[in-house]
């Protein structure tokens, strides 16, 4: 008997991606239910070769659901995740609502899959921020090899990280530039077309943005609280795919060749690093792919035991939907969850 999976937020960018990935990876689900707010009731979404009609979240009975993938924003998750978990389903939440709760595991399966067992405390597992997910996939094998002391990361984050409206705004503004029309900014504080914006999420008292703070807090929780990290997060006019320039200071010596060898063997990593024009991966090429791509590995001569690398990934997949499905696979593969409905 397979599992019953509910997906909350099925009409959004990430929700649709989750449905695609569940089908692509042949997740052992006997039934998948698409849920969203009442205004989306009846909307059709694709699941493999099937079409699902969206049902309203607020009237759905979760009593026979095994896994709930939650991709409907923080406020919805705060209200509904505990209720769904109380019905006996394991909630895998893509928002920031539960990431910093000590009783909720924050999981990137290539990095800390063993921590998934902690879901029993609240019945909730958190998915990290998209920019954190790809970063820790790249850092984990290097940390195991030479112990990371400090990380300085600058991100180049695509507009899809801010949702469909943000993608529409980039498209509309780009079109407006070429037609000499008025450029309207609603989703972003400044125009995003042919521009970059060093501001993601709200500003905090120390001058950092919430997005930058998330990267610090989540890397420490997932990988190692001893790692020092500082981030500058920038929105760029790219539709899909986050990029990161990462400077890493290690406790132990590690050469660029040793780093390449280590990363080539690491789960989830794909090294494409030819020191020639085009011998690296850009966000355009990462779109639709599962891997975290790593390029431009070189020595950072400004610190002892320093390296620099370029890291790119599809933020809708590894940064959100794929990671959530991989967490669900961890529950199944580690036999931590049995289907409620038994075979006749």
C-alpha atoms as a PDB file:
ATOM      1  CA  UNK A   1       0.000   0.000   0.000  1.00  0.00           C
ATOM      2  CA  UNK A   2       1.349   3.404  -0.926  1.00  0.00           C
ATOM      3  CA  UNK A   3       1.082   6.742   0.840  1.00  0.00           C
ATOM      4  CA  UNK A   4      -1.567   9.421   0.635  1.00  0.00           C
ATOM      5  CA  UNK A   5       0.045  12.812  -0.017  1.00  0.00           C
ATOM      6  CA  UNK A   6      -1.665  16.185   0.294  1.00  0.00           C
ATOM      7  CA  UNK A   7      -0.101  19.266  -1.268  1.00  0.00           C
ATOM      8  CA  UNK A   8      -1.145  22.650   0.124  1.00  0.00           C
ATOM      9  CA  UNK A   9      -0.435  25.540  -2.250  1.00  0.00           C
ATOM     10  CA  UNK A  10      -0.791  23.428  -5.369  1.00  0.00           C
ATOM     11  CA  UNK A  11      -1.402  26.367  -7.719  1.00  0.00           C
ATOM     12  CA  UNK A  12       1.822  28.245  -6.896  1.00  0.00           C
ATOM     13  CA  UNK A  13       5.198  27.988  -8.659  1.00  0.00           C
ATOM     14  CA  UNK A  14       6.656  25.653  -6.053  1.00  0.00           C
ATOM     15  CA  UNK A  15       3.467  23.658  -5.593  1.00  0.00           C
ATOM     16  CA  UNK A  16       3.279  22.856  -9.291  1.00  0.00           C
ATOM     17  CA  UNK A  17       6.962  21.947  -9.252  1.00  0.00           C
ATOM     18  CA  UNK A  18       6.357  19.595  -6.311  1.00  0.00           C
ATOM     19  CA  UNK A  19       3.648  17.786  -8.278  1.00  0.00           C
ATOM     20  CA  UNK A  20       5.987  17.415 -11.252  1.00  0.00           C
ATOM     21  CA  UNK A  21       8.789  16.058  -9.067  1.00  0.00           C
ATOM     22  CA  UNK A  22       6.551  13.598  -7.205  1.00  0.00           C
ATOM     23  CA  UNK A  23       5.582  12.186 -10.616  1.00  0.00           C
ATOM     24  CA  UNK A  24       9.114  12.289 -12.073  1.00  0.00           C
ATOM     25  CA  UNK A  25      10.615  10.434  -9.118  1.00  0.00           C
ATOM     26  CA  UNK A  26       7.734   7.925  -8.902  1.00  0.00           C
ATOM     27  CA  UNK A  27       7.103   8.703  -5.253  1.00  0.00           C
ATOM     28  CA  UNK A  28       5.180   5.768  -3.723  1.00  0.00           C
ATOM     29  CA  UNK A  29       1.865   7.566  -3.431  1.00  0.00           C
ATOM     30  CA  UNK A  30      -1.462   5.835  -4.031  1.00  0.00           C
ATOM     31  CA  UNK A  31      -3.230   9.172  -3.931  1.00  0.00           C
ATOM     32  CA  UNK A  32      -2.153  12.802  -4.280  1.00  0.00           C
ATOM     33  CA  UNK A  33      -4.562  15.591  -3.317  1.00  0.00           C
ATOM     34  CA  UNK A  34      -4.097  19.177  -4.493  1.00  0.00           C
ATOM     35  CA  UNK A  35      -5.213  21.832  -1.999  1.00  0.00           C
ATOM     36  CA  UNK A  36      -5.264  25.634  -1.946  1.00  0.00           C
ATOM     37  CA  UNK A  37      -7.406  28.532  -0.770  1.00  0.00           C
ATOM     38  CA  UNK A  38     -11.109  28.637  -1.642  1.00  0.00           C
ATOM     39  CA  UNK A  39     -10.533  31.041  -4.526  1.00  0.00           C
ATOM     40  CA  UNK A  40      -8.533  28.325  -6.303  1.00  0.00           C
ATOM     41  CA  UNK A  41     -11.153  25.613  -5.831  1.00  0.00           C
ATOM     42  CA  UNK A  42     -11.678  23.705  -9.067  1.00  0.00           C
ATOM     43  CA  UNK A  43      -8.485  24.935 -10.718  1.00  0.00           C
ATOM     44  CA  UNK A  44      -6.797  22.075 -12.572  1.00  0.00           C
ATOM     45  CA  UNK A  45      -3.125  21.206 -12.017  1.00  0.00           C
ATOM     46  CA  UNK A  46      -0.995  18.533 -13.673  1.00  0.00           C
ATOM     47  CA  UNK A  47       0.378  15.503 -11.865  1.00  0.00           C
ATOM     48  CA  UNK A  48       2.274  13.278 -14.294  1.00  0.00           C
ATOM     49  CA  UNK A  49      -0.240  12.197 -16.915  1.00  0.00           C
ATOM     50  CA  UNK A  50      -3.149  13.013 -14.615  1.00  0.00           C
ATOM     51  CA  UNK A  51      -5.036  16.221 -13.935  1.00  0.00           C
ATOM     52  CA  UNK A  52      -6.009  17.069 -10.362  1.00  0.00           C
ATOM     53  CA  UNK A  53      -8.769  19.465  -9.360  1.00  0.00           C
ATOM     54  CA  UNK A  54      -7.816  21.730  -6.487  1.00  0.00           C
ATOM     55  CA  UNK A  55      -9.844  21.337  -3.294  1.00  0.00           C
ATOM     56  CA  UNK A  56     -10.219  23.932  -0.524  1.00  0.00           C
ATOM     57  CA  UNK A  57      -7.792  23.611   2.371  1.00  0.00           C
ATOM     58  CA  UNK A  58     -10.159  24.898   5.051  1.00  0.00           C
ATOM     59  CA  UNK A  59     -12.673  22.064   4.678  1.00  0.00           C
ATOM     60  CA  UNK A  60     -10.373  19.149   3.954  1.00  0.00           C
ATOM     61  CA  UNK A  61     -10.228  16.102   6.244  1.00  0.00           C
ATOM     62  CA  UNK A  62      -6.566  15.108   6.795  1.00  0.00           C
ATOM     63  CA  UNK A  63      -7.331  12.038   8.929  1.00  0.00           C
ATOM     64  CA  UNK A  64      -6.133   9.564   6.288  1.00  0.00           C
ATOM     65  CA  UNK A  65      -3.253  11.692   4.931  1.00  0.00           C
ATOM     66  CA  UNK A  66       0.288  10.391   5.546  1.00  0.00           C
ATOM     67  CA  UNK A  67       2.411  13.287   4.246  1.00  0.00           C
ATOM     68  CA  UNK A  68       1.451  16.908   3.684  1.00  0.00           C
ATOM     69  CA  UNK A  69       3.718  19.074   1.544  1.00  0.00           C
ATOM     70  CA  UNK A  70       3.039  22.654   2.653  1.00  0.00           C
ATOM     71  CA  UNK A  71       3.853  25.420   0.165  1.00  0.00           C
ATOM     72  CA  UNK A  72       1.385  28.169   0.969  1.00  0.00           C
ATOM     73  CA  UNK A  73       3.386  30.752   2.910  1.00  0.00           C
ATOM     74  CA  UNK A  74       4.309  31.298   6.541  1.00  0.00           C
ATOM     75  CA  UNK A  75       0.986  32.527   7.919  1.00  0.00           C
ATOM     76  CA  UNK A  76      -0.935  29.619   6.398  1.00  0.00           C
ATOM     77  CA  UNK A  77       1.655  27.196   7.723  1.00  0.00           C
ATOM     78  CA  UNK A  78       1.543  28.646  11.242  1.00  0.00           C
ATOM     79  CA  UNK A  79      -2.214  28.146  11.308  1.00  0.00           C
ATOM     80  CA  UNK A  80      -2.541  24.816   9.530  1.00  0.00           C
ATOM     81  CA  UNK A  81       0.641  22.789  10.021  1.00  0.00           C
ATOM     82  CA  UNK A  82      -0.022  22.008  13.714  1.00  0.00           C
ATOM     83  CA  UNK A  83      -3.637  21.059  12.919  1.00  0.00           C
ATOM     84  CA  UNK A  84      -2.563  18.769  10.073  1.00  0.00           C
ATOM     85  CA  UNK A  85       0.189  17.222  12.187  1.00  0.00           C
ATOM     86  CA  UNK A  86      -2.340  16.613  14.989  1.00  0.00           C
ATOM     87  CA  UNK A  87      -4.350  14.501  12.543  1.00  0.00           C
ATOM     88  CA  UNK A  88      -1.349  12.190  12.195  1.00  0.00           C
ATOM     89  CA  UNK A  89       0.187  13.455   8.955  1.00  0.00           C
ATOM     90  CA  UNK A  90       3.839  14.516   8.734  1.00  0.00           C
ATOM     91  CA  UNK A  91       4.025  18.096   7.457  1.00  0.00           C
ATOM     92  CA  UNK A  92       6.985  19.101   5.296  1.00  0.00           C
ATOM     93  CA  UNK A  93       6.849  22.883   5.238  1.00  0.00           C
ATOM     94  CA  UNK A  94       8.500  25.082   2.649  1.00  0.00           C
ATOM     95  CA  UNK A  95       7.977  28.402   4.455  1.00  0.00           C
ATOM     96  CA  UNK A  96      10.140  30.036   7.114  1.00  0.00           C
ATOM     97  CA  UNK A  97       7.474  29.506   9.805  1.00  0.00           C
ATOM     98  CA  UNK A  98       9.123  26.536  11.557  1.00  0.00           C
ATOM     99  CA  UNK A  99      12.772  26.624  10.504  1.00  0.00           C
ATOM    100  CA  UNK A 100      14.077  28.136  13.714  1.00  0.00           C
ATOM    101  CA  UNK A 101      11.965  26.053  16.111  1.00  0.00           C
ATOM    102  CA  UNK A 102      14.282  23.823  18.169  1.00  0.00           C
ATOM    103  CA  UNK A 103      11.720  20.994  18.029  1.00  0.00           C
ATOM    104  CA  UNK A 104      11.428  21.057  14.221  1.00  0.00           C
ATOM    105  CA  UNK A 105      14.223  19.497  12.158  1.00  0.00           C
ATOM    106  CA  UNK A 106      15.550  21.648   9.299  1.00  0.00           C
ATOM    107  CA  UNK A 107      16.614  19.219   6.605  1.00  0.00           C
ATOM    108  CA  UNK A 108      18.706  19.074   3.451  1.00  0.00           C
ATOM    109  CA  UNK A 109      18.921  15.314   2.811  1.00  0.00           C
ATOM    110  CA  UNK A 110      22.438  15.391   1.328  1.00  0.00           C
ATOM    111  CA  UNK A 111      23.641  17.163   4.476  1.00  0.00           C
ATOM    112  CA  UNK A 112      21.734  16.038   7.583  1.00  0.00           C
ATOM    113  CA  UNK A 113      19.263  13.311   6.607  1.00  0.00           C
ATOM    114  CA  UNK A 114      19.707  11.596   9.974  1.00  0.00           C
ATOM    115  CA  UNK A 115      18.039  14.568  11.706  1.00  0.00           C
ATOM    116  CA  UNK A 116      14.741  13.811   9.949  1.00  0.00           C
ATOM    117  CA  UNK A 117      13.862  11.406  12.779  1.00  0.00           C
ATOM    118  CA  UNK A 118      13.234  14.454  14.976  1.00  0.00           C
ATOM    119  CA  UNK A 119       9.894  15.038  13.243  1.00  0.00           C
ATOM    120  CA  UNK A 120       8.165  13.076  16.000  1.00  0.00           C
ATOM    121  CA  UNK A 121       8.331  16.048  18.384  1.00  0.00           C
ATOM    122  CA  UNK A 122       5.846  18.215  16.460  1.00  0.00           C
ATOM    123  CA  UNK A 123       5.033  16.236  13.331  1.00  0.00           C
ATOM    124  CA  UNK A 124       6.629  18.998  11.241  1.00  0.00           C
ATOM    125  CA  UNK A 125       9.820  19.088   9.156  1.00  0.00           C
ATOM    126  CA  UNK A 126      11.126  22.378   7.746  1.00  0.00           C
ATOM    127  CA  UNK A 127      12.576  23.001   4.316  1.00  0.00           C
ATOM    128  CA  UNK A 128      15.364  25.637   4.315  1.00  0.00           C
ATOM    129  CA  UNK A 129      15.501  28.869   2.397  1.00  0.00           C
ATOM    130  CA  UNK A 130      16.309  28.356  -1.278  1.00  0.00           C
ATOM    131  CA  UNK A 131      19.654  30.171  -1.081  1.00  0.00           C
ATOM    132  CA  UNK A 132      20.692  28.140   1.976  1.00  0.00           C
ATOM    133  CA  UNK A 133      19.794  24.758   0.470  1.00  0.00           C
ATOM    134  CA  UNK A 134      22.248  24.896  -2.428  1.00  0.00           C
ATOM    135  CA  UNK A 135      24.940  26.503  -0.267  1.00  0.00           C
ATOM    136  CA  UNK A 136      25.004  23.748   2.359  1.00  0.00           C
ATOM    137  CA  UNK A 137      24.983  21.019  -0.312  1.00  0.00           C
ATOM    138  CA  UNK A 138      28.268  22.497  -1.546  1.00  0.00           C
ATOM    139  CA  UNK A 139      29.700  23.238   1.905  1.00  0.00           C
ATOM    140  CA  UNK A 140      28.985  19.892   3.616  1.00  0.00           C
ATOM    141  CA  UNK A 141      31.601  17.729   1.816  1.00  0.00           C
ATOM    142  CA  UNK A 142      34.211  20.470   2.133  1.00  0.00           C
ATOM    143  CA  UNK A 143      33.439  20.885   5.836  1.00  0.00           C
ATOM    144  CA  UNK A 144      33.871  17.145   6.344  1.00  0.00           C
ATOM    145  CA  UNK A 145      37.215  17.288   4.531  1.00  0.00           C
ATOM    146  CA  UNK A 146      38.877  20.392   6.019  1.00  0.00           C
ATOM    147  CA  UNK A 147      36.515  21.989   8.623  1.00  0.00           C
ATOM    148  CA  UNK A 148      35.029  25.326   7.605  1.00  0.00           C
ATOM    149  CA  UNK A 149      35.679  28.281   9.911  1.00  0.00           C
ATOM    150  CA  UNK A 150      34.155  31.179   7.989  1.00  0.00           C
ATOM    151  CA  UNK A 151      32.064  31.789   4.889  1.00  0.00           C
ATOM    152  CA  UNK A 152      31.430  35.003   2.960  1.00  0.00           C
ATOM    153  CA  UNK A 153      28.672  34.573   0.386  1.00  0.00           C
ATOM    154  CA  UNK A 154      27.180  36.958  -2.155  1.00  0.00           C
ATOM    155  CA  UNK A 155      23.990  35.731  -3.814  1.00  0.00           C
ATOM    156  CA  UNK A 156      22.521  36.482  -7.223  1.00  0.00           C
ATOM    157  CA  UNK A 157      18.931  35.367  -6.740  1.00  0.00           C
ATOM    158  CA  UNK A 158      16.354  34.942  -9.486  1.00  0.00           C
ATOM    159  CA  UNK A 159      12.940  36.586  -9.364  1.00  0.00           C
ATOM    160  CA  UNK A 160      11.100  33.249  -9.147  1.00  0.00           C
ATOM    161  CA  UNK A 161      12.208  33.161  -5.510  1.00  0.00           C
ATOM    162  CA  UNK A 162       9.688  35.946  -4.956  1.00  0.00           C
ATOM    163  CA  UNK A 163       6.839  34.106  -6.715  1.00  0.00           C
ATOM    164  CA  UNK A 164       4.911  34.230  -9.959  1.00  0.00           C
ATOM    165  CA  UNK A 165       4.026  37.925  -9.613  1.00  0.00           C
ATOM    166  CA  UNK A 166       7.738  38.734  -9.491  1.00  0.00           C
ATOM    167  CA  UNK A 167       8.378  36.751 -12.664  1.00  0.00           C
ATOM    168  CA  UNK A 168       5.508  38.577 -14.346  1.00  0.00           C
ATOM    169  CA  UNK A 169       6.949  41.915 -13.223  1.00  0.00           C
ATOM    170  CA  UNK A 170      10.363  41.156 -14.742  1.00  0.00           C
ATOM    171  CA  UNK A 171       8.692  40.135 -18.001  1.00  0.00           C
ATOM    172  CA  UNK A 172       6.456  43.213 -18.094  1.00  0.00           C
ATOM    173  CA  UNK A 173       9.290  45.614 -17.259  1.00  0.00           C
ATOM    174  CA  UNK A 174      11.599  44.063 -19.862  1.00  0.00           C
ATOM    175  CA  UNK A 175       8.880  44.425 -22.474  1.00  0.00           C
ATOM    176  CA  UNK A 176       8.294  48.016 -21.358  1.00  0.00           C
ATOM    177  CA  UNK A 177      11.975  48.878 -21.854  1.00  0.00           C
ATOM    178  CA  UNK A 178      11.860  47.738 -25.473  1.00  0.00           C
ATOM    179  CA  UNK A 179       8.538  49.420 -26.233  1.00  0.00           C
ATOM    180  CA  UNK A 180       9.424  52.650 -24.395  1.00  0.00           C
ATOM    181  CA  UNK A 181       6.414  52.161 -22.112  1.00  0.00           C
ATOM    182  CA  UNK A 182       6.074  53.120 -18.459  1.00  0.00           C
ATOM    183  CA  UNK A 183       7.924  50.800 -16.093  1.00  0.00           C
ATOM    184  CA  UNK A 184       5.764  49.807 -13.133  1.00  0.00           C
ATOM    185  CA  UNK A 185       7.280  48.342  -9.942  1.00  0.00           C
ATOM    186  CA  UNK A 186       4.906  46.590  -7.548  1.00  0.00           C
ATOM    187  CA  UNK A 187       6.691  43.487  -6.283  1.00  0.00           C
ATOM    188  CA  UNK A 188      10.138  45.068  -6.009  1.00  0.00           C
ATOM    189  CA  UNK A 189      11.141  48.429  -4.454  1.00  0.00           C
ATOM    190  CA  UNK A 190      13.025  49.412  -7.606  1.00  0.00           C
ATOM    191  CA  UNK A 191      12.866  48.239 -11.185  1.00  0.00           C
ATOM    192  CA  UNK A 192      14.322  44.769 -11.684  1.00  0.00           C
ATOM    193  CA  UNK A 193      14.615  44.740 -15.486  1.00  0.00           C
ATOM    194  CA  UNK A 194      18.267  45.340 -16.495  1.00  0.00           C
ATOM    195  CA  UNK A 195      19.077  46.089 -12.863  1.00  0.00           C
ATOM    196  CA  UNK A 196      20.101  44.385  -9.615  1.00  0.00           C
ATOM    197  CA  UNK A 197      18.578  45.033  -6.175  1.00  0.00           C
ATOM    198  CA  UNK A 198      20.686  44.437  -3.020  1.00  0.00           C
ATOM    199  CA  UNK A 199      17.606  43.898  -0.897  1.00  0.00           C
ATOM    200  CA  UNK A 200      15.641  40.661  -0.309  1.00  0.00           C
ATOM    201  CA  UNK A 201      13.051  40.460   2.494  1.00  0.00           C
ATOM    202  CA  UNK A 202      12.846  43.113   5.223  1.00  0.00           C
ATOM    203  CA  UNK A 203      15.684  45.100   6.779  1.00  0.00           C
ATOM    204  CA  UNK A 204      16.724  44.250  10.334  1.00  0.00           C
ATOM    205  CA  UNK A 205      18.129  46.509  13.045  1.00  0.00           C
ATOM    206  CA  UNK A 206      21.757  45.554  12.300  1.00  0.00           C
ATOM    207  CA  UNK A 207      21.467  46.579   8.641  1.00  0.00           C
ATOM    208  CA  UNK A 208      21.273  43.047   7.279  1.00  0.00           C
ATOM    209  CA  UNK A 209      18.134  41.838   5.527  1.00  0.00           C
ATOM    210  CA  UNK A 210      16.030  38.927   6.773  1.00  0.00           C
ATOM    211  CA  UNK A 211      17.193  36.853   3.792  1.00  0.00           C
ATOM    212  CA  UNK A 212      20.807  37.343   4.844  1.00  0.00           C
ATOM    213  CA  UNK A 213      19.965  36.470   8.440  1.00  0.00           C
ATOM    214  CA  UNK A 214      18.205  33.292   7.271  1.00  0.00           C
ATOM    215  CA  UNK A 215      21.349  32.078   5.531  1.00  0.00           C
ATOM    216  CA  UNK A 216      23.369  32.536   8.718  1.00  0.00           C
ATOM    217  CA  UNK A 217      20.866  30.924  11.088  1.00  0.00           C
ATOM    218  CA  UNK A 218      19.984  28.032   8.780  1.00  0.00           C
ATOM    219  CA  UNK A 219      23.571  27.134   7.867  1.00  0.00           C
ATOM    220  CA  UNK A 220      24.418  26.952  11.548  1.00  0.00           C
ATOM    221  CA  UNK A 221      21.381  24.765  12.323  1.00  0.00           C
ATOM    222  CA  UNK A 222      21.827  22.406   9.373  1.00  0.00           C
ATOM    223  CA  UNK A 223      25.602  22.158   9.128  1.00  0.00           C
ATOM    224  CA  UNK A 224      27.506  23.407  12.183  1.00  0.00           C
ATOM    225  CA  UNK A 225      26.785  26.170  14.736  1.00  0.00           C
ATOM    226  CA  UNK A 226      30.524  26.939  14.912  1.00  0.00           C
ATOM    227  CA  UNK A 227      30.673  28.193  11.324  1.00  0.00           C
ATOM    228  CA  UNK A 228      30.806  31.979  10.980  1.00  0.00           C
ATOM    229  CA  UNK A 229      28.927  33.278   7.939  1.00  0.00           C
ATOM    230  CA  UNK A 230      28.107  36.644   6.453  1.00  0.00           C
ATOM    231  CA  UNK A 231      25.918  37.156   3.402  1.00  0.00           C
ATOM    232  CA  UNK A 232      24.864  39.828   0.935  1.00  0.00           C
ATOM    233  CA  UNK A 233      21.711  38.801  -0.921  1.00  0.00           C
ATOM    234  CA  UNK A 234      20.931  40.412  -4.268  1.00  0.00           C
ATOM    235  CA  UNK A 235      17.959  40.028  -6.598  1.00  0.00           C
ATOM    236  CA  UNK A 236      18.945  39.839 -10.280  1.00  0.00           C
ATOM    237  CA  UNK A 237      16.910  39.888 -13.516  1.00  0.00           C
ATOM    238  CA  UNK A 238      16.960  36.126 -14.026  1.00  0.00           C
ATOM    239  CA  UNK A 239      13.754  34.089 -14.115  1.00  0.00           C
ATOM    240  CA  UNK A 240      14.952  30.799 -12.562  1.00  0.00           C
ATOM    241  CA  UNK A 241      18.187  29.782 -10.844  1.00  0.00           C
ATOM    242  CA  UNK A 242      20.087  31.218  -7.898  1.00  0.00           C
ATOM    243  CA  UNK A 243      23.844  31.812  -8.094  1.00  0.00           C
ATOM    244  CA  UNK A 244      26.307  32.339  -5.260  1.00  0.00           C
ATOM    245  CA  UNK A 245      29.915  33.506  -5.049  1.00  0.00           C
ATOM    246  CA  UNK A 246      31.332  31.820  -1.957  1.00  0.00           C
ATOM    247  CA  UNK A 247      34.592  32.561  -0.122  1.00  0.00           C
ATOM    248  CA  UNK A 248      35.467  29.855   2.410  1.00  0.00           C
ATOM    249  CA  UNK A 249      38.126  29.848   5.128  1.00  0.00           C
ATOM    250  CA  UNK A 250      39.110  26.393   6.433  1.00  0.00           C
ATOM    251  CA  UNK A 251      40.809  25.211   9.604  1.00  0.00           C
ATOM    252  CA  UNK A 252      42.890  22.712   7.628  1.00  0.00           C
ATOM    253  CA  UNK A 253      44.709  23.056   4.292  1.00  0.00           C
ATOM    254  CA  UNK A 254      42.764  22.115   1.160  1.00  0.00           C
ATOM    255  CA  UNK A 255      43.789  22.760  -2.444  1.00  0.00           C
ATOM    256  CA  UNK A 256      41.434  23.566  -5.313  1.00  0.00           C
ATOM    257  CA  UNK A 257      42.152  20.135  -6.827  1.00  0.00           C
ATOM    258  CA  UNK A 258      41.330  18.428  -3.527  1.00  0.00           C
ATOM    259  CA  UNK A 259      38.100  20.423  -3.335  1.00  0.00           C
ATOM    260  CA  UNK A 260      37.130  19.398  -6.881  1.00  0.00           C
ATOM    261  CA  UNK A 261      37.830  15.753  -6.080  1.00  0.00           C
ATOM    262  CA  UNK A 262      35.776  15.960  -2.868  1.00  0.00           C
ATOM    263  CA  UNK A 263      32.820  17.701  -4.509  1.00  0.00           C
ATOM    264  CA  UNK A 264      32.762  15.334  -7.486  1.00  0.00           C
ATOM    265  CA  UNK A 265      32.144  12.452  -5.072  1.00  0.00           C
ATOM    266  CA  UNK A 266      29.509  14.307  -3.034  1.00  0.00           C
ATOM    267  CA  UNK A 267      25.758  13.658  -3.348  1.00  0.00           C
ATOM    268  CA  UNK A 268      23.810  16.381  -5.112  1.00  0.00           C
ATOM    269  CA  UNK A 269      26.930  18.144  -6.432  1.00  0.00           C
ATOM    270  CA  UNK A 270      28.029  18.393 -10.044  1.00  0.00           C
ATOM    271  CA  UNK A 271      31.402  20.028 -10.719  1.00  0.00           C
ATOM    272  CA  UNK A 272      31.810  21.764 -14.083  1.00  0.00           C
ATOM    273  CA  UNK A 273      35.006  23.723 -13.772  1.00  0.00           C
ATOM    274  CA  UNK A 274      37.022  24.256 -16.935  1.00  0.00           C
ATOM    275  CA  UNK A 275      39.201  27.338 -16.728  1.00  0.00           C
ATOM    276  CA  UNK A 276      38.172  28.621 -20.131  1.00  0.00           C
ATOM    277  CA  UNK A 277      35.370  30.742 -21.596  1.00  0.00           C
ATOM    278  CA  UNK A 278      32.070  28.928 -20.965  1.00  0.00           C
ATOM    279  CA  UNK A 279      33.672  26.343 -18.687  1.00  0.00           C
ATOM    280  CA  UNK A 280      31.257  27.067 -15.833  1.00  0.00           C
ATOM    281  CA  UNK A 281      27.516  26.828 -15.189  1.00  0.00           C
ATOM    282  CA  UNK A 282      25.112  29.775 -15.257  1.00  0.00           C
ATOM    283  CA  UNK A 283      21.613  29.927 -13.764  1.00  0.00           C
ATOM    284  CA  UNK A 284      20.043  29.570 -17.213  1.00  0.00           C
ATOM    285  CA  UNK A 285      21.614  26.119 -17.561  1.00  0.00           C
ATOM    286  CA  UNK A 286      20.573  25.044 -14.076  1.00  0.00           C
ATOM    287  CA  UNK A 287      16.856  25.594 -14.703  1.00  0.00           C
ATOM    288  CA  UNK A 288      14.970  22.312 -14.659  1.00  0.00           C
ATOM    289  CA  UNK A 289      17.929  20.397 -13.204  1.00  0.00           C
ATOM    290  CA  UNK A 290      18.286  18.771  -9.792  1.00  0.00           C
ATOM    291  CA  UNK A 291      22.004  19.214  -9.166  1.00  0.00           C
ATOM    292  CA  UNK A 292      23.844  21.945  -7.322  1.00  0.00           C
ATOM    293  CA  UNK A 293      26.466  22.982  -9.873  1.00  0.00           C
ATOM    294  CA  UNK A 294      29.892  24.129  -8.701  1.00  0.00           C
ATOM    295  CA  UNK A 295      32.395  25.996 -10.858  1.00  0.00           C
ATOM    296  CA  UNK A 296      35.377  28.371 -10.645  1.00  0.00           C
ATOM    297  CA  UNK A 297      37.044  26.640  -7.672  1.00  0.00           C
ATOM    298  CA  UNK A 298      40.230  28.526  -6.858  1.00  0.00           C
ATOM    299  CA  UNK A 299      42.482  29.632  -4.031  1.00  0.00           C
ATOM    300  CA  UNK A 300      41.614  32.660  -1.933  1.00  0.00           C
ATOM    301  CA  UNK A 301      45.071  34.013  -1.189  1.00  0.00           C
ATOM    302  CA  UNK A 302      43.769  36.679   1.217  1.00  0.00           C
ATOM    303  CA  UNK A 303      43.325  34.156   4.047  1.00  0.00           C
ATOM    304  CA  UNK A 304      45.128  31.036   5.202  1.00  0.00           C
ATOM    305  CA  UNK A 305      43.449  27.878   3.865  1.00  0.00           C
ATOM    306  CA  UNK A 306      41.015  29.823   1.696  1.00  0.00           C
ATOM    307  CA  UNK A 307      39.008  28.816  -1.383  1.00  0.00           C
ATOM    308  CA  UNK A 308      36.519  30.594  -3.638  1.00  0.00           C
ATOM    309  CA  UNK A 309      33.793  28.904  -5.678  1.00  0.00           C
ATOM    310  CA  UNK A 310      30.724  29.628  -7.803  1.00  0.00           C
ATOM    311  CA  UNK A 311      27.551  27.712  -6.947  1.00  0.00           C
ATOM    312  CA  UNK A 312      24.355  27.568  -9.056  1.00  0.00           C
ATOM    313  CA  UNK A 313      21.062  25.719  -8.648  1.00  0.00           C
ATOM    314  CA  UNK A 314      17.416  25.777  -9.716  1.00  0.00           C
ATOM    315  CA  UNK A 315      15.811  27.510  -6.735  1.00  0.00           C
ATOM    316  CA  UNK A 316      12.353  26.103  -7.459  1.00  0.00           C
ATOM    317  CA  UNK A 317      13.717  22.555  -7.433  1.00  0.00           C
ATOM    318  CA  UNK A 318      16.640  22.029  -5.050  1.00  0.00           C
ATOM    319  CA  UNK A 319      15.819  25.251  -3.266  1.00  0.00           C
ATOM    320  CA  UNK A 320      12.231  24.186  -2.587  1.00  0.00           C
ATOM    321  CA  UNK A 321      10.218  21.460  -4.317  1.00  0.00           C
ATOM    322  CA  UNK A 322      12.886  18.809  -4.872  1.00  0.00           C
ATOM    323  CA  UNK A 323      14.267  19.170  -1.360  1.00  0.00           C
ATOM    324  CA  UNK A 324      10.770  18.707   0.114  1.00  0.00           C
ATOM    325  CA  UNK A 325      10.171  15.551  -1.913  1.00  0.00           C
ATOM    326  CA  UNK A 326      13.608  14.238  -0.943  1.00  0.00           C
ATOM    327  CA  UNK A 327      12.658  14.741   2.713  1.00  0.00           C
ATOM    328  CA  UNK A 328       9.504  12.696   2.120  1.00  0.00           C
ATOM    329  CA  UNK A 329      11.668  10.015   0.505  1.00  0.00           C
ATOM    330  CA  UNK A 330      13.879  10.001   3.607  1.00  0.00           C
ATOM    331  CA  UNK A 331      10.836   9.249   5.764  1.00  0.00           C
ATOM    332  CA  UNK A 332       9.910   6.344   3.497  1.00  0.00           C
ATOM    333  CA  UNK A 333      13.397   4.944   2.912  1.00  0.00           C
ATOM    334  CA  UNK A 334      14.312   5.075   6.595  1.00  0.00           C
ATOM    335  CA  UNK A 335      10.997   3.372   7.459  1.00  0.00           C
ATOM    336  CA  UNK A 336      10.033   6.218   9.771  1.00  0.00           C
ATOM    337  CA  UNK A 337       6.476   6.405   8.436  1.00  0.00           C
ATOM    338  CA  UNK A 338       3.954   3.679   7.614  1.00  0.00           C
ATOM    339  CA  UNK A 339       0.850   4.327   5.443  1.00  0.00           C
ATOM    340  CA  UNK A 340      -2.303   4.722   7.492  1.00  0.00           C
ATOM    341  CA  UNK A 341      -4.334   2.765   4.997  1.00  0.00           C
ATOM    342  CA  UNK A 342      -3.285  -0.869   4.865  1.00  0.00           C
ATOM    343  CA  UNK A 343      -3.626  -3.118   1.866  1.00  0.00           C
ATOM    344  CA  UNK A 344      -6.799  -5.211   1.895  1.00  0.00           C
END
